[in-house]
N, C-alpha and C. Protein backbone atom coordinates (compact mmCIF):
# COMPACT_ATOMS: atom_id res chain seq x y z
N UNK A 1 -11.48 8.61 1.50
CA UNK A 1 -10.71 7.57 0.39
C UNK A 1 -11.35 6.55 -0.06
N UNK A 2 -10.90 5.89 -1.30
CA UNK A 2 -11.70 4.80 -1.79
C UNK A 2 -10.87 3.95 -1.77
N UNK A 3 -11.34 2.81 -1.92
CA UNK A 3 -10.79 1.67 -1.67
C UNK A 3 -11.70 0.46 -3.41
N UNK A 4 -10.50 0.08 -2.99
CA UNK A 4 -10.56 -0.46 -4.80
C UNK A 4 -9.92 -2.73 -4.05
N UNK A 5 -10.39 -3.12 -4.84
CA UNK A 5 -9.65 -4.54 -4.47
C UNK A 5 -8.75 -4.51 -5.52
N UNK A 6 -7.84 -5.70 -4.71
CA UNK A 6 -6.41 -5.83 -5.65
C UNK A 6 -6.62 -5.49 -7.57
N UNK A 7 -7.49 -6.84 -8.01
CA UNK A 7 -7.54 -7.06 -9.43
C UNK A 7 -8.14 -5.26 -9.86
N UNK A 8 -8.56 -4.20 -8.70
CA UNK A 8 -8.90 -3.25 -9.68
C UNK A 8 -8.25 -2.02 -9.46
N UNK A 9 -7.48 -2.12 -8.11
CA UNK A 9 -5.96 -1.66 -8.35
C UNK A 9 -4.98 -1.89 -9.31
N UNK A 10 -4.88 -2.75 -9.75
CA UNK A 10 -4.11 -2.96 -10.80
C UNK A 10 -4.38 -2.54 -11.97
N UNK A 11 -5.76 -2.70 -12.44
CA UNK A 11 -6.35 -2.50 -13.78
C UNK A 11 -5.85 -0.27 -13.41
N UNK A 12 -6.42 -0.18 -12.92
CA UNK A 12 -6.34 1.47 -12.08
C UNK A 12 -4.73 1.98 -12.36
N UNK A 13 -3.95 1.24 -11.68
CA UNK A 13 -2.01 1.48 -12.27
C UNK A 13 -1.90 1.41 -13.48
N UNK A 14 -2.62 0.70 -13.84
CA UNK A 14 -2.46 -0.11 -15.54
C UNK A 14 -2.85 1.31 -16.61
N UNK A 15 -3.43 1.98 -15.86
CA UNK A 15 -5.06 3.22 -16.56
C UNK A 15 -4.36 4.14 -16.51
N UNK A 16 -3.27 4.62 -15.34
CA UNK A 16 -3.01 5.84 -15.43
C UNK A 16 -2.35 5.56 -14.51
N UNK A 17 -1.55 6.09 -15.81
CA UNK A 17 -0.02 6.69 -15.50
C UNK A 17 0.25 7.92 -14.26
N UNK A 18 -0.16 8.54 -14.18
CA UNK A 18 0.14 9.39 -12.64
C UNK A 18 0.04 8.76 -11.60
N UNK A 19 -0.35 7.83 -11.76
CA UNK A 19 -0.93 7.35 -10.27
C UNK A 19 0.48 6.18 -9.54
N UNK A 20 0.36 6.56 -8.52
CA UNK A 20 1.54 6.14 -7.65
C UNK A 20 1.46 5.20 -6.80
N UNK A 21 2.25 4.04 -6.35
CA UNK A 21 1.89 2.97 -5.63
C UNK A 21 2.84 2.70 -4.35
N UNK A 22 2.34 3.04 -3.19
CA UNK A 22 3.00 3.22 -2.17
C UNK A 22 3.11 1.50 -1.18
N UNK A 23 3.99 1.41 -1.50
CA UNK A 23 3.55 -0.12 -0.16
C UNK A 23 4.03 0.67 1.42
N UNK A 24 3.15 0.76 2.19
CA UNK A 24 3.84 1.20 3.31
C UNK A 24 3.54 -0.09 4.71
N UNK A 25 3.85 -1.02 4.07
CA UNK A 25 4.86 -2.16 5.04
C UNK A 25 6.32 -1.78 5.65
N UNK A 26 6.67 -2.81 6.53
CA UNK A 26 7.84 -2.95 7.04
C UNK A 26 8.77 -2.62 6.22
N UNK A 27 10.59 -2.49 6.60
CA UNK A 27 11.24 -2.51 4.96
C UNK A 27 10.92 -4.17 4.71
N UNK A 28 11.25 -4.71 6.14
CA UNK A 28 11.56 -6.39 6.47
C UNK A 28 10.34 -7.13 5.07
N UNK A 29 9.28 -6.43 5.69
CA UNK A 29 8.00 -7.42 5.11
C UNK A 29 7.95 -7.01 3.06
N UNK A 30 9.02 -6.37 2.71
CA UNK A 30 8.58 -5.26 1.62
C UNK A 30 10.05 -6.01 0.75
N UNK A 31 10.59 -6.11 1.73
CA UNK A 31 11.54 -6.82 0.47
C UNK A 31 11.81 -8.80 0.82
N UNK A 32 11.43 -8.64 1.59
CA UNK A 32 11.27 -10.57 1.72
C UNK A 32 10.26 -11.52 1.51
N UNK A 33 8.72 -10.48 1.59
CA UNK A 33 7.67 -11.20 1.78
C UNK A 33 7.69 -11.11 0.23
N UNK A 34 7.32 -9.33 -0.55
CA UNK A 34 7.64 -9.28 -1.72
C UNK A 34 6.62 -8.17 -2.00
N UNK A 35 6.73 -7.48 -2.85
CA UNK A 35 6.19 -6.50 -3.54
C UNK A 35 5.67 -6.07 -5.08
N UNK A 36 4.55 -5.23 -4.84
CA UNK A 36 4.76 -4.85 -6.70
C UNK A 36 5.63 -4.46 -7.52
N UNK A 37 5.53 -4.61 -8.37
CA UNK A 37 7.22 -4.20 -9.02
C UNK A 37 6.69 -2.91 -9.02
N UNK A 38 7.60 -1.84 -9.29
CA UNK A 38 7.68 -0.56 -9.13
C UNK A 38 6.58 -0.03 -7.78
N UNK A 39 6.43 -0.64 -6.85
CA UNK A 39 6.05 0.17 -5.67
C UNK A 39 6.63 0.79 -4.61
N UNK A 40 6.62 2.05 -4.29
CA UNK A 40 7.41 2.63 -3.27
C UNK A 40 7.32 2.65 -2.58
N UNK A 41 8.48 2.29 -2.20
CA UNK A 41 8.78 1.73 -0.19
C UNK A 41 8.42 3.47 0.41
N UNK A 42 7.56 3.57 1.30
CA UNK A 42 7.49 3.97 2.09
C UNK A 42 6.69 3.68 3.20
N UNK A 43 7.44 3.61 4.65
CA UNK A 43 7.28 2.72 5.85
C UNK A 43 6.51 3.32 6.54
N UNK A 44 4.85 3.18 6.91
CA UNK A 44 3.74 3.13 8.09
C UNK A 44 4.99 3.78 9.21
N UNK A 45 5.18 2.59 10.01
CA UNK A 45 5.85 2.20 10.61
C UNK A 45 6.21 1.01 10.67
N UNK A 46 7.89 1.24 11.64
CA UNK A 46 8.62 0.03 11.60
C UNK A 46 8.98 -0.33 13.12
N UNK A 47 9.21 -1.63 12.76
CA UNK A 47 9.35 -2.78 14.57
C UNK A 47 11.27 -1.74 15.01
N UNK A 48 11.09 -2.16 15.88
CA UNK A 48 10.39 -2.94 17.09
C UNK A 48 9.51 -2.31 17.82
N UNK A 49 9.72 -0.66 17.82
CA UNK A 49 8.55 0.11 18.60
C UNK A 49 7.50 0.16 17.95
N UNK A 50 7.09 0.20 16.45
CA UNK A 50 6.16 0.49 15.94
C UNK A 50 6.03 1.19 16.21
N UNK A 51 6.64 2.65 15.73
CA UNK A 51 6.10 4.02 15.63
C UNK A 51 5.71 4.15 14.56
N UNK A 52 4.75 5.30 14.06
CA UNK A 52 4.13 5.90 13.26
C UNK A 52 5.11 7.10 12.82
N UNK A 53 5.72 6.95 11.64
CA UNK A 53 6.79 7.88 10.91
C UNK A 53 5.95 9.18 10.58
N UNK A 54 6.49 10.39 11.40
CA UNK A 54 5.43 11.66 12.05
C UNK A 54 5.73 12.21 10.52
N UNK A 55 6.60 11.69 9.94
CA UNK A 55 7.34 12.25 7.99
C UNK A 55 6.43 11.57 7.46
N UNK A 56 5.60 10.61 7.21
CA UNK A 56 4.81 9.58 6.54
C UNK A 56 4.56 10.24 4.91
N UNK A 57 3.99 11.86 5.55
CA UNK A 57 2.89 12.54 4.29
C UNK A 57 3.94 13.72 3.89
N UNK A 58 4.79 13.84 4.18
CA UNK A 58 5.72 14.77 3.46
C UNK A 58 6.67 13.43 2.36
N UNK A 59 7.45 12.26 2.86
CA UNK A 59 8.20 11.43 1.91
C UNK A 59 6.94 11.17 1.04
N UNK A 60 5.23 11.09 1.00
CA UNK A 60 4.49 10.51 0.10
C UNK A 60 4.90 11.35 -1.02
N UNK A 61 4.78 12.87 -0.42
CA UNK A 61 4.63 14.25 -0.95
C UNK A 61 5.50 14.01 -2.15
N UNK A 62 6.83 14.00 -1.28
CA UNK A 62 8.24 13.86 -2.42
C UNK A 62 7.92 13.12 -3.69
N UNK A 63 7.65 11.75 -2.64
CA UNK A 63 7.25 11.04 -4.53
C UNK A 63 6.15 11.17 -5.21
N UNK A 64 5.70 12.37 -4.84
CA UNK A 64 4.11 12.37 -5.91
C UNK A 64 4.65 13.91 -6.08
N UNK A 65 6.23 14.49 -6.26
CA UNK A 65 6.41 15.98 -6.53
C UNK A 65 5.66 16.45 -6.22
N UNK A 66 4.97 16.84 -4.92
CA UNK A 66 4.44 17.42 -4.42
C UNK A 66 3.25 17.79 -4.84
N UNK A 67 2.67 17.15 -5.38
CA UNK A 67 1.19 16.93 -6.36
C UNK A 67 0.33 16.89 -5.66
N UNK A 68 -0.59 17.10 -4.16
CA UNK A 68 -1.30 16.66 -3.65
C UNK A 68 -2.96 16.11 -4.51
N UNK A 69 -2.84 16.10 -5.94
CA UNK A 69 -3.87 15.54 -6.48
C UNK A 69 -3.82 14.61 -7.42
N UNK A 70 -2.10 14.07 -7.12
CA UNK A 70 -1.84 13.09 -7.76
C UNK A 70 -2.87 11.45 -7.00
N UNK A 71 -2.81 11.23 -8.34
CA UNK A 71 -3.59 9.57 -7.08
C UNK A 71 -2.02 8.49 -6.51
N UNK A 72 -2.99 8.38 -5.47
CA UNK A 72 -1.56 7.52 -4.72
C UNK A 72 -2.41 6.78 -4.05
N UNK A 73 -2.40 5.12 -4.52
CA UNK A 73 -2.44 3.65 -3.96
C UNK A 73 -1.51 3.49 -3.43
N UNK A 74 -1.81 2.40 -1.56
CA UNK A 74 -2.12 2.17 -0.55
C UNK A 74 -2.15 1.08 -0.47
N UNK A 75 -0.57 0.31 -0.25
CA UNK A 75 -0.69 -1.38 0.04
C UNK A 75 -0.02 -1.66 1.51
N UNK A 76 -0.66 -2.57 2.03
CA UNK A 76 -0.42 -3.27 3.17
C UNK A 76 -0.40 -4.48 3.34
N UNK A 77 -0.16 -4.97 4.85
CA UNK A 77 0.08 -6.76 4.58
C UNK A 77 -1.54 -6.89 4.55
N UNK A 78 -2.59 -6.30 5.01
CA UNK A 78 -3.64 -7.15 4.75
C UNK A 78 -5.03 -6.31 4.12
N UNK A 79 -4.78 -4.70 4.18
CA UNK A 79 -5.54 -3.55 4.33
C UNK A 79 -5.68 -2.88 5.32
N UNK A 80 -5.25 -3.55 6.14
CA UNK A 80 -6.00 -1.65 7.62
C UNK A 80 -4.99 -0.90 7.84
N UNK A 81 -3.73 -1.02 7.61
CA UNK A 81 -2.96 0.15 7.87
C UNK A 81 -2.88 1.17 7.13
N UNK A 82 -2.79 0.64 5.95
CA UNK A 82 -3.01 1.18 4.69
C UNK A 82 -3.80 2.16 5.08
N UNK A 83 -5.66 1.63 5.95
CA UNK A 83 -6.46 2.89 5.43
C UNK A 83 -5.89 3.77 6.62
N UNK A 84 -5.33 3.62 7.73
CA UNK A 84 -4.72 4.38 8.66
C UNK A 84 -3.79 5.36 8.06
N UNK A 85 -2.46 4.90 7.35
CA UNK A 85 -1.70 5.65 6.34
C UNK A 85 -2.74 6.42 5.40
N UNK A 86 -3.18 5.97 4.77
CA UNK A 86 -4.33 7.14 3.76
C UNK A 86 -4.71 7.95 4.99
N UNK A 87 -5.74 7.62 6.07
CA UNK A 87 -6.15 8.76 6.47
C UNK A 87 -5.62 10.28 7.10
N UNK A 88 -4.20 9.73 6.99
CA UNK A 88 -3.26 10.69 7.50
C UNK A 88 -2.60 11.71 6.39
N UNK A 89 -2.59 10.54 5.13
CA UNK A 89 -2.42 11.40 3.93
C UNK A 89 -3.64 12.20 3.70
N UNK A 90 -4.83 12.10 4.36
CA UNK A 90 -6.05 12.89 3.83
C UNK A 90 -5.63 14.23 4.13
N UNK A 91 -5.03 13.91 5.44
CA UNK A 91 -5.35 15.30 6.85
C UNK A 91 -4.49 15.73 6.28
N UNK A 92 -3.34 15.29 5.50
CA UNK A 92 -2.11 16.52 5.04
C UNK A 92 -2.68 17.01 3.61
N UNK A 93 -3.45 16.90 2.93
CA UNK A 93 -4.45 17.37 2.20
C UNK A 93 -4.06 16.57 1.22
N UNK A 94 -3.76 15.23 0.85
CA UNK A 94 -4.22 14.49 -0.47
C UNK A 94 -5.63 14.70 -0.72
N UNK A 95 -5.86 14.67 -2.16
CA UNK A 95 -7.51 14.09 -2.48
C UNK A 95 -7.48 13.08 -3.34
N UNK A 96 -6.81 12.18 -3.82
CA UNK A 96 -7.28 10.83 -4.25
C UNK A 96 -6.11 9.91 -3.61
N UNK A 97 -6.76 9.73 -2.26
CA UNK A 97 -6.04 8.00 -1.94
C UNK A 97 -7.04 7.21 -2.08
N UNK A 98 -6.38 6.27 -2.20
CA UNK A 98 -7.30 4.76 -2.38
C UNK A 98 -6.34 3.44 -2.19
N UNK A 99 -7.25 3.51 -1.13
CA UNK A 99 -6.34 1.99 -0.56
C UNK A 99 -6.71 0.69 -1.12
N UNK A 100 -5.76 -0.15 -1.22
CA UNK A 100 -5.88 -1.62 -1.85
C UNK A 100 -6.13 -2.43 -0.51
N UNK A 101 -7.58 -2.75 -0.88
CA UNK A 101 -8.35 -3.93 0.18
C UNK A 101 -8.09 -4.88 -0.10
N UNK A 102 -7.49 -6.05 1.07
CA UNK A 102 -7.47 -7.33 0.92
C UNK A 102 -5.36 -6.67 1.06
N UNK A 103 -4.99 -5.92 0.88
CA UNK A 103 -3.50 -5.18 1.28
C UNK A 103 -2.58 -6.93 -0.14
N UNK A 104 -1.58 -7.15 0.81
CA UNK A 104 -0.91 -7.97 -0.38
C UNK A 104 -0.80 -9.21 -0.14
N UNK A 105 -1.52 -9.96 1.39
CA UNK A 105 -0.87 -11.17 1.79
C UNK A 105 -2.83 -11.32 2.00
N UNK A 106 -3.77 -11.04 1.81
CA UNK A 106 -4.64 -11.29 2.52
C UNK A 106 -4.98 -11.02 3.83
N UNK A 107 -6.68 -11.27 4.07
CA UNK A 107 -6.30 -12.29 6.00
C UNK A 107 -6.19 -13.38 6.23
N UNK A 108 -6.11 -13.37 7.50
CA UNK A 108 -5.91 -14.73 7.47
C UNK A 108 -6.80 -15.77 8.22
N UNK A 109 -6.66 -17.47 7.88
CA UNK A 109 -7.47 -17.98 7.06
C UNK A 109 -7.29 -18.86 8.94
N UNK A 110 -8.11 -20.47 8.55
CA UNK A 110 -8.91 -20.57 9.86
C UNK A 110 -7.25 -21.61 10.22
N UNK A 111 -6.52 -21.81 10.04
CA UNK A 111 -5.39 -21.95 10.81
C UNK A 111 -3.91 -20.96 10.67
N UNK A 112 -4.61 -19.75 10.50
CA UNK A 112 -3.56 -18.60 11.07
C UNK A 112 -2.75 -18.70 9.99
N UNK A 113 -3.16 -18.63 8.40
CA UNK A 113 -2.06 -18.10 7.56
C UNK A 113 -2.74 -17.37 6.51
N UNK A 114 -2.06 -16.49 5.79
CA UNK A 114 -2.51 -15.27 4.39
C UNK A 114 -2.30 -15.89 3.47
N UNK A 115 -2.88 -15.45 2.41
CA UNK A 115 -2.44 -15.43 0.75
C UNK A 115 -3.44 -16.87 0.97
N UNK A 116 -4.33 -17.38 1.10
CA UNK A 116 -5.00 -18.30 0.98
C UNK A 116 -6.65 -17.59 0.70
N UNK A 117 -6.81 -16.67 0.94
CA UNK A 117 -7.79 -16.00 0.98
C UNK A 117 -7.93 -14.94 0.55
N UNK A 118 -7.61 -14.11 -0.16
CA UNK A 118 -7.21 -12.67 -0.75
C UNK A 118 -6.41 -12.37 -0.77
N UNK A 119 -5.45 -11.04 -1.14
CA UNK A 119 -4.78 -10.50 -1.67
C UNK A 119 -4.35 -10.06 -2.60
N UNK A 120 -3.12 -9.62 -3.11
CA UNK A 120 -2.54 -8.88 -4.19
C UNK A 120 -2.17 -10.73 -4.56
N UNK A 121 -1.08 -11.42 -3.91
CA UNK A 121 -0.86 -12.79 -4.36
C UNK A 121 -1.68 -13.36 -4.84
N UNK A 122 -2.51 -13.70 -4.29
CA UNK A 122 -3.33 -14.71 -4.18
C UNK A 122 -4.11 -14.43 -5.80
N UNK A 123 -4.60 -13.13 -5.94
CA UNK A 123 -5.71 -12.79 -7.36
C UNK A 123 -4.08 -13.04 -8.67
N UNK A 124 -2.91 -13.29 -8.49
CA UNK A 124 -2.20 -14.36 -9.40
C UNK A 124 -1.58 -12.59 -10.08
N UNK A 125 -1.91 -11.25 -9.71
CA UNK A 125 -0.83 -9.91 -9.85
C UNK A 125 0.72 -10.17 -9.89
N UNK A 126 1.27 -9.72 -10.55
CA UNK A 126 2.79 -9.18 -10.56
C UNK A 126 3.49 -8.90 -8.77
N UNK A 127 4.26 -9.99 -8.92
CA UNK A 127 4.82 -9.42 -7.64
C UNK A 127 6.45 -9.97 -7.82
N UNK A 128 7.08 -9.30 -7.30
CA UNK A 128 8.62 -9.59 -6.71
C UNK A 128 9.58 -9.69 -5.16
N UNK A 129 10.83 -10.61 -5.29
CA UNK A 129 11.27 -9.98 -4.27
C UNK A 129 12.67 -9.58 -4.04
N UNK A 130 13.17 -8.61 -3.27
CA UNK A 130 14.15 -8.06 -3.07
C UNK A 130 15.44 -8.58 -3.29
């Protein structure tokens, strides 16, 4: 699995038209916290039980037209869930899996807030809310 910071991931998406950005956060995070324009939403896990979706890789495969060689970039809140989701994709045979470091909101700061030290939004990259 490759790892790119948000700025490099955004640049990669702009130069690789075959690449697909998958937001693997929950539906609530995707809708209300925001997401990059064009991001496809496929939740890795959902509340309230936080069970991992056993069909995650199959759903991503459908998005990629079952082309396991197409680049897929994964985005979560802080860059941790996306690593687990990426490992599942690699185990399913995907060959170009890229984790976006820092995620959408970045790490927690000293006051336990996100978005002040890193993440997609922190770097001023395009995003929207549903």
